[in-house]
Amino acid sequence: MAGIYSTSEVAEKIGVAKRTLIRWLKDHKITEPKRIEHPGIVSRLWSERNLKQAQKYKEQNYRKGRGCKKKV
């Protein structure tokens, strides 16, 4: 499926840990992508739009190689 990614793939593409991406979702910093449920497993299906939103959030709130930007 072109343009559909897993949480791990999105984390790798934007350069953050999977846990960081999940924390952003739980803190409502980015929009939750579509979820599908299999018996015992819940998966998120990230679209290109979701991927770009996560990348934009990272660019606005993180410095290269140093984590979160300082609040001024």
PDB file of N, CA and C in Angstrom:
ATOM      1  N   MET A   1       0.841  -1.187   0.000  1.00  0.00           N
ATOM      2  CA  MET A   1       0.000   0.000   0.000  1.00  0.00           C
ATOM      3  C   MET A   1       0.886   1.250   0.000  1.00  0.00           C
ATOM      4  N   ALA A   2       0.818   2.010  -1.044  1.00  0.00           N
ATOM      5  CA  ALA A   2       1.621   3.223  -1.152  1.00  0.00           C
ATOM      6  C   ALA A   2       1.043   4.318  -0.266  1.00  0.00           C
ATOM      7  N   GLY A   3       1.901   5.008   0.465  1.00  0.00           N
ATOM      8  CA  GLY A   3       1.452   6.126   1.282  1.00  0.00           C
ATOM      9  C   GLY A   3       0.838   5.737   2.613  1.00  0.00           C
ATOM     10  N   ILE A   4       0.952   4.466   3.012  1.00  0.00           N
ATOM     11  CA  ILE A   4       0.449   4.023   4.312  1.00  0.00           C
ATOM     12  C   ILE A   4       1.642   3.478   5.093  1.00  0.00           C
ATOM     13  N   TYR A   5       1.814   3.976   6.320  1.00  0.00           N
ATOM     14  CA  TYR A   5       2.978   3.613   7.123  1.00  0.00           C
ATOM     15  C   TYR A   5       2.566   3.140   8.512  1.00  0.00           C
ATOM     16  N   SER A   6       3.435   2.343   9.135  1.00  0.00           N
ATOM     17  CA  SER A   6       3.241   1.936  10.524  1.00  0.00           C
ATOM     18  C   SER A   6       3.844   3.010  11.432  1.00  0.00           C
ATOM     19  N   THR A   7       3.567   2.918  12.720  1.00  0.00           N
ATOM     20  CA  THR A   7       4.132   3.876  13.682  1.00  0.00           C
ATOM     21  C   THR A   7       5.648   3.794  13.676  1.00  0.00           C
ATOM     22  N   SER A   8       6.195   2.610  13.616  1.00  0.00           N
ATOM     23  CA  SER A   8       7.655   2.439  13.591  1.00  0.00           C
ATOM     24  C   SER A   8       8.270   3.079  12.350  1.00  0.00           C
ATOM     25  N   GLU A   9       7.627   2.912  11.199  1.00  0.00           N
ATOM     26  CA  GLU A   9       8.136   3.502   9.963  1.00  0.00           C
ATOM     27  C   GLU A   9       8.114   5.020  10.021  1.00  0.00           C
ATOM     28  N   VAL A  10       7.038   5.581  10.553  1.00  0.00           N
ATOM     29  CA  VAL A  10       6.941   7.039  10.665  1.00  0.00           C
ATOM     30  C   VAL A  10       8.021   7.562  11.605  1.00  0.00           C
ATOM     31  N   ALA A  11       8.198   6.909  12.742  1.00  0.00           N
ATOM     32  CA  ALA A  11       9.222   7.329  13.699  1.00  0.00           C
ATOM     33  C   ALA A  11      10.604   7.328  13.041  1.00  0.00           C
ATOM     34  N   GLU A  12      10.899   6.292  12.295  1.00  0.00           N
ATOM     35  CA  GLU A  12      12.189   6.200  11.615  1.00  0.00           C
ATOM     36  C   GLU A  12      12.345   7.298  10.567  1.00  0.00           C
ATOM     37  N   LYS A  13      11.287   7.536   9.787  1.00  0.00           N
ATOM     38  CA  LYS A  13      11.346   8.550   8.726  1.00  0.00           C
ATOM     39  C   LYS A  13      11.584   9.960   9.271  1.00  0.00           C
ATOM     40  N   ILE A  14      10.965  10.285  10.416  1.00  0.00           N
ATOM     41  CA  ILE A  14      11.120  11.649  10.940  1.00  0.00           C
ATOM     42  C   ILE A  14      12.257  11.764  11.957  1.00  0.00           C
ATOM     43  N   GLY A  15      12.850  10.629  12.339  1.00  0.00           N
ATOM     44  CA  GLY A  15      14.027  10.665  13.195  1.00  0.00           C
ATOM     45  C   GLY A  15      13.750  10.798  14.683  1.00  0.00           C
ATOM     46  N   VAL A  16      12.691  10.168  15.162  1.00  0.00           N
ATOM     47  CA  VAL A  16      12.401  10.137  16.598  1.00  0.00           C
ATOM     48  C   VAL A  16      12.154   8.685  17.003  1.00  0.00           C
ATOM     49  N   ALA A  17      12.173   8.433  18.299  1.00  0.00           N
ATOM     50  CA  ALA A  17      11.870   7.096  18.796  1.00  0.00           C
ATOM     51  C   ALA A  17      10.366   6.830  18.693  1.00  0.00           C
ATOM     52  N   LYS A  18      10.015   5.566  18.557  1.00  0.00           N
ATOM     53  CA  LYS A  18       8.598   5.189  18.489  1.00  0.00           C
ATOM     54  C   LYS A  18       7.867   5.667  19.743  1.00  0.00           C
ATOM     55  N   ARG A  19       8.492   5.537  20.918  1.00  0.00           N
ATOM     56  CA  ARG A  19       7.884   5.985  22.181  1.00  0.00           C
ATOM     57  C   ARG A  19       7.588   7.486  22.144  1.00  0.00           C
ATOM     58  N   THR A  20       8.463   8.264  21.534  1.00  0.00           N
ATOM     59  CA  THR A  20       8.249   9.711  21.424  1.00  0.00           C
ATOM     60  C   THR A  20       7.001   9.988  20.600  1.00  0.00           C
ATOM     61  N   LEU A  21       6.866   9.308  19.487  1.00  0.00           N
ATOM     62  CA  LEU A  21       5.705   9.484  18.616  1.00  0.00           C
ATOM     63  C   LEU A  21       4.421   9.107  19.352  1.00  0.00           C
ATOM     64  N   ILE A  22       4.438   8.012  20.078  1.00  0.00           N
ATOM     65  CA  ILE A  22       3.262   7.592  20.842  1.00  0.00           C
ATOM     66  C   ILE A  22       2.944   8.598  21.946  1.00  0.00           C
ATOM     67  N   ARG A  23       3.981   9.156  22.578  1.00  0.00           N
ATOM     68  CA  ARG A  23       3.762  10.181  23.611  1.00  0.00           C
ATOM     69  C   ARG A  23       3.097  11.418  23.008  1.00  0.00           C
ATOM     70  N   TRP A  24       3.528  11.837  21.817  1.00  0.00           N
ATOM     71  CA  TRP A  24       2.897  12.981  21.146  1.00  0.00           C
ATOM     72  C   TRP A  24       1.421  12.707  20.898  1.00  0.00           C
ATOM     73  N   LEU A  25       1.090  11.477  20.518  1.00  0.00           N
ATOM     74  CA  LEU A  25      -0.313  11.114  20.288  1.00  0.00           C
ATOM     75  C   LEU A  25      -1.109  11.184  21.589  1.00  0.00           C
ATOM     76  N   LYS A  26      -0.571  10.608  22.647  1.00  0.00           N
ATOM     77  CA  LYS A  26      -1.275  10.586  23.934  1.00  0.00           C
ATOM     78  C   LYS A  26      -1.429  11.983  24.535  1.00  0.00           C
ATOM     79  N   ASP A  27      -0.465  12.874  24.249  1.00  0.00           N
ATOM     80  CA  ASP A  27      -0.524  14.255  24.742  1.00  0.00           C
ATOM     81  C   ASP A  27      -1.317  15.167  23.803  1.00  0.00           C
ATOM     82  N   HIS A  28      -1.888  14.598  22.730  1.00  0.00           N
ATOM     83  CA  HIS A  28      -2.692  15.333  21.735  1.00  0.00           C
ATOM     84  C   HIS A  28      -1.891  16.435  21.049  1.00  0.00           C
ATOM     85  N   LYS A  29      -0.619  16.195  20.820  1.00  0.00           N
ATOM     86  CA  LYS A  29       0.219  17.169  20.112  1.00  0.00           C
ATOM     87  C   LYS A  29       0.126  16.987  18.607  1.00  0.00           C
ATOM     88  N   ILE A  30      -0.223  15.787  18.188  1.00  0.00           N
ATOM     89  CA  ILE A  30      -0.496  15.502  16.780  1.00  0.00           C
ATOM     90  C   ILE A  30      -1.789  14.676  16.707  1.00  0.00           C
ATOM     91  N   THR A  31      -2.426  14.692  15.545  1.00  0.00           N
ATOM     92  CA  THR A  31      -3.702  14.005  15.358  1.00  0.00           C
ATOM     93  C   THR A  31      -3.498  12.501  15.265  1.00  0.00           C
ATOM     94  N   GLU A  32      -4.356  11.761  15.941  1.00  0.00           N
ATOM     95  CA  GLU A  32      -4.308  10.295  15.926  1.00  0.00           C
ATOM     96  C   GLU A  32      -4.650   9.789  14.521  1.00  0.00           C
ATOM     97  N   PRO A  33      -3.780   8.933  13.926  1.00  0.00           N
ATOM     98  CA  PRO A  33      -4.116   8.364  12.619  1.00  0.00           C
ATOM     99  C   PRO A  33      -5.184   7.268  12.760  1.00  0.00           C
ATOM    100  N   LYS A  34      -5.665   6.793  11.634  1.00  0.00           N
ATOM    101  CA  LYS A  34      -6.687   5.739  11.641  1.00  0.00           C
ATOM    102  C   LYS A  34      -6.144   4.495  12.344  1.00  0.00           C
ATOM    103  N   ARG A  35      -6.995   3.887  13.166  1.00  0.00           N
ATOM    104  CA  ARG A  35      -6.599   2.676  13.890  1.00  0.00           C
ATOM    105  C   ARG A  35      -7.410   1.486  13.383  1.00  0.00           C
ATOM    106  N   ILE A  36      -6.752   0.350  13.291  1.00  0.00           N
ATOM    107  CA  ILE A  36      -7.446  -0.884  12.961  1.00  0.00           C
ATOM    108  C   ILE A  36      -7.165  -1.887  14.071  1.00  0.00           C
ATOM    109  N   GLU A  37      -8.139  -2.741  14.339  1.00  0.00           N
ATOM    110  CA  GLU A  37      -7.987  -3.717  15.406  1.00  0.00           C
ATOM    111  C   GLU A  37      -8.078  -5.130  14.852  1.00  0.00           C
ATOM    112  N   HIS A  38      -7.068  -5.914  15.194  1.00  0.00           N
ATOM    113  CA  HIS A  38      -7.062  -7.344  14.929  1.00  0.00           C
ATOM    114  C   HIS A  38      -7.187  -8.002  16.296  1.00  0.00           C
ATOM    115  N   PRO A  39      -7.549  -9.253  16.359  1.00  0.00           N
ATOM    116  CA  PRO A  39      -7.639  -9.903  17.671  1.00  0.00           C
ATOM    117  C   PRO A  39      -6.326  -9.762  18.461  1.00  0.00           C
ATOM    118  N   GLY A  40      -6.376  -8.975  19.523  1.00  0.00           N
ATOM    119  CA  GLY A  40      -5.208  -8.778  20.390  1.00  0.00           C
ATOM    120  C   GLY A  40      -4.215  -7.735  19.935  1.00  0.00           C
ATOM    121  N   ILE A  41      -4.425  -7.122  18.768  1.00  0.00           N
ATOM    122  CA  ILE A  41      -3.467  -6.140  18.245  1.00  0.00           C
ATOM    123  C   ILE A  41      -4.217  -4.909  17.743  1.00  0.00           C
ATOM    124  N   VAL A  42      -3.705  -3.733  18.090  1.00  0.00           N
ATOM    125  CA  VAL A  42      -4.240  -2.483  17.551  1.00  0.00           C
ATOM    126  C   VAL A  42      -3.116  -1.823  16.757  1.00  0.00           C
ATOM    127  N   SER A  43      -3.387  -1.486  15.504  1.00  0.00           N
ATOM    128  CA  SER A  43      -2.389  -0.861  14.637  1.00  0.00           C
ATOM    129  C   SER A  43      -2.864   0.505  14.185  1.00  0.00           C
ATOM    130  N   ARG A  44      -1.918   1.407  13.998  1.00  0.00           N
ATOM    131  CA  ARG A  44      -2.233   2.724  13.444  1.00  0.00           C
ATOM    132  C   ARG A  44      -1.777   2.738  11.987  1.00  0.00           C
ATOM    133  N   LEU A  45      -2.621   3.289  11.116  1.00  0.00           N
ATOM    134  CA  LEU A  45      -2.289   3.426   9.704  1.00  0.00           C
ATOM    135  C   LEU A  45      -2.019   4.900   9.418  1.00  0.00           C
ATOM    136  N   TRP A  46      -0.778   5.236   9.229  1.00  0.00           N
ATOM    137  CA  TRP A  46      -0.357   6.620   9.017  1.00  0.00           C
ATOM    138  C   TRP A  46      -0.404   6.951   7.532  1.00  0.00           C
ATOM    139  N   SER A  47      -1.106   8.017   7.180  1.00  0.00           N
ATOM    140  CA  SER A  47      -1.148   8.487   5.796  1.00  0.00           C
ATOM    141  C   SER A  47      -0.003   9.480   5.588  1.00  0.00           C
ATOM    142  N   GLU A  48       0.184   9.899   4.346  1.00  0.00           N
ATOM    143  CA  GLU A  48       1.195  10.931   4.050  1.00  0.00           C
ATOM    144  C   GLU A  48       0.898  12.208   4.839  1.00  0.00           C
ATOM    145  N   ARG A  49      -0.377  12.534   4.948  1.00  0.00           N
ATOM    146  CA  ARG A  49      -0.795  13.740   5.681  1.00  0.00           C
ATOM    147  C   ARG A  49      -0.397  13.645   7.157  1.00  0.00           C
ATOM    148  N   ASN A  50      -0.651  12.474   7.792  1.00  0.00           N
ATOM    149  CA  ASN A  50      -0.261  12.272   9.180  1.00  0.00           C
ATOM    150  C   ASN A  50       1.257  12.355   9.343  1.00  0.00           C
ATOM    151  N   LEU A  51       1.982  11.770   8.399  1.00  0.00           N
ATOM    152  CA  LEU A  51       3.440  11.791   8.424  1.00  0.00           C
ATOM    153  C   LEU A  51       3.955  13.230   8.362  1.00  0.00           C
ATOM    154  N   LYS A  52       3.403  14.021   7.450  1.00  0.00           N
ATOM    155  CA  LYS A  52       3.837  15.417   7.309  1.00  0.00           C
ATOM    156  C   LYS A  52       3.507  16.229   8.552  1.00  0.00           C
ATOM    157  N   GLN A  53       2.369  15.950   9.180  1.00  0.00           N
ATOM    158  CA  GLN A  53       1.999  16.665  10.402  1.00  0.00           C
ATOM    159  C   GLN A  53       3.004  16.368  11.523  1.00  0.00           C
ATOM    160  N   ALA A  54       3.387  15.111  11.671  1.00  0.00           N
ATOM    161  CA  ALA A  54       4.358  14.732  12.696  1.00  0.00           C
ATOM    162  C   ALA A  54       5.712  15.372  12.404  1.00  0.00           C
ATOM    163  N   GLN A  55       6.121  15.390  11.133  1.00  0.00           N
ATOM    164  CA  GLN A  55       7.391  16.025  10.749  1.00  0.00           C
ATOM    165  C   GLN A  55       7.360  17.513  11.060  1.00  0.00           C
ATOM    166  N   LYS A  56       6.251  18.165  10.751  1.00  0.00           N
ATOM    167  CA  LYS A  56       6.111  19.598  11.015  1.00  0.00           C
ATOM    168  C   LYS A  56       6.188  19.884  12.514  1.00  0.00           C
ATOM    169  N   TYR A  57       5.519  19.049  13.330  1.00  0.00           N
ATOM    170  CA  TYR A  57       5.569  19.230  14.781  1.00  0.00           C
ATOM    171  C   TYR A  57       7.011  19.102  15.274  1.00  0.00           C
ATOM    172  N   LYS A  58       7.724  18.099  14.766  1.00  0.00           N
ATOM    173  CA  LYS A  58       9.118  17.909  15.188  1.00  0.00           C
ATOM    174  C   LYS A  58       9.961  19.124  14.812  1.00  0.00           C
ATOM    175  N   GLU A  59       9.817  19.619  13.587  1.00  0.00           N
ATOM    176  CA  GLU A  59      10.608  20.766  13.136  1.00  0.00           C
ATOM    177  C   GLU A  59      10.333  22.012  13.973  1.00  0.00           C
ATOM    178  N   GLN A  60       9.095  22.194  14.409  1.00  0.00           N
ATOM    179  CA  GLN A  60       8.733  23.375  15.182  1.00  0.00           C
ATOM    180  C   GLN A  60       9.147  23.280  16.641  1.00  0.00           C
ATOM    181  N   ASN A  61       9.307  22.066  17.170  1.00  0.00           N
ATOM    182  CA  ASN A  61       9.520  21.905  18.601  1.00  0.00           C
ATOM    183  C   ASN A  61      10.827  21.238  19.003  1.00  0.00           C
ATOM    184  N   TYR A  62      11.625  20.779  18.063  1.00  0.00           N
ATOM    185  CA  TYR A  62      12.878  20.100  18.377  1.00  0.00           C
ATOM    186  C   TYR A  62      14.035  20.719  17.622  1.00  0.00           C
ATOM    187  N   ARG A  63      15.202  20.757  18.292  1.00  0.00           N
ATOM    188  CA  ARG A  63      16.426  21.218  17.646  1.00  0.00           C
ATOM    189  C   ARG A  63      17.183  20.001  17.149  1.00  0.00           C
ATOM    190  N   LYS A  64      17.943  20.160  16.099  1.00  0.00           N
ATOM    191  CA  LYS A  64      18.688  19.042  15.541  1.00  0.00           C
ATOM    192  C   LYS A  64      19.712  18.517  16.551  1.00  0.00           C
ATOM    193  N   GLY A  65      19.566  17.249  16.921  1.00  0.00           N
ATOM    194  CA  GLY A  65      20.520  16.591  17.788  1.00  0.00           C
ATOM    195  C   GLY A  65      20.489  16.987  19.249  1.00  0.00           C
ATOM    196  N   ARG A  66      19.541  17.848  19.656  1.00  0.00           N
ATOM    197  CA  ARG A  66      19.548  18.317  21.031  1.00  0.00           C
ATOM    198  C   ARG A  66      18.210  18.184  21.738  1.00  0.00           C
ATOM    199  N   GLY A  67      17.244  17.556  21.138  1.00  0.00           N
ATOM    200  CA  GLY A  67      15.940  17.391  21.800  1.00  0.00           C
ATOM    201  C   GLY A  67      15.072  18.628  21.723  1.00  0.00           C
ATOM    202  N   CYS A  68      14.241  18.823  22.741  1.00  0.00           N
ATOM    203  CA  CYS A  68      13.251  19.907  22.750  1.00  0.00           C
ATOM    204  C   CYS A  68      13.891  21.285  22.721  1.00  0.00           C
ATOM    205  N   LYS A  69      13.232  22.196  22.017  1.00  0.00           N
ATOM    206  CA  LYS A  69      13.665  23.591  22.034  1.00  0.00           C
ATOM    207  C   LYS A  69      13.363  24.182  23.391  1.00  0.00           C
ATOM    208  N   LYS A  70      14.199  25.079  23.839  1.00  0.00           N
ATOM    209  CA  LYS A  70      13.958  25.733  25.117  1.00  0.00           C
ATOM    210  C   LYS A  70      12.817  26.735  24.983  1.00  0.00           C
ATOM    211  N   LYS A  71      11.973  26.793  25.991  1.00  0.00           N
ATOM    212  CA  LYS A  71      10.882  27.760  26.020  1.00  0.00           C
ATOM    213  C   LYS A  71      11.460  29.114  26.405  1.00  0.00           C
ATOM    214  N   VAL A  72      11.119  30.137  25.666  1.00  0.00           N
ATOM    215  CA  VAL A  72      11.642  31.482  25.961  1.00  0.00           C
ATOM    216  C   VAL A  72      10.541  32.373  26.437  1.00  0.00           C
TER     217      VAL A  72
END
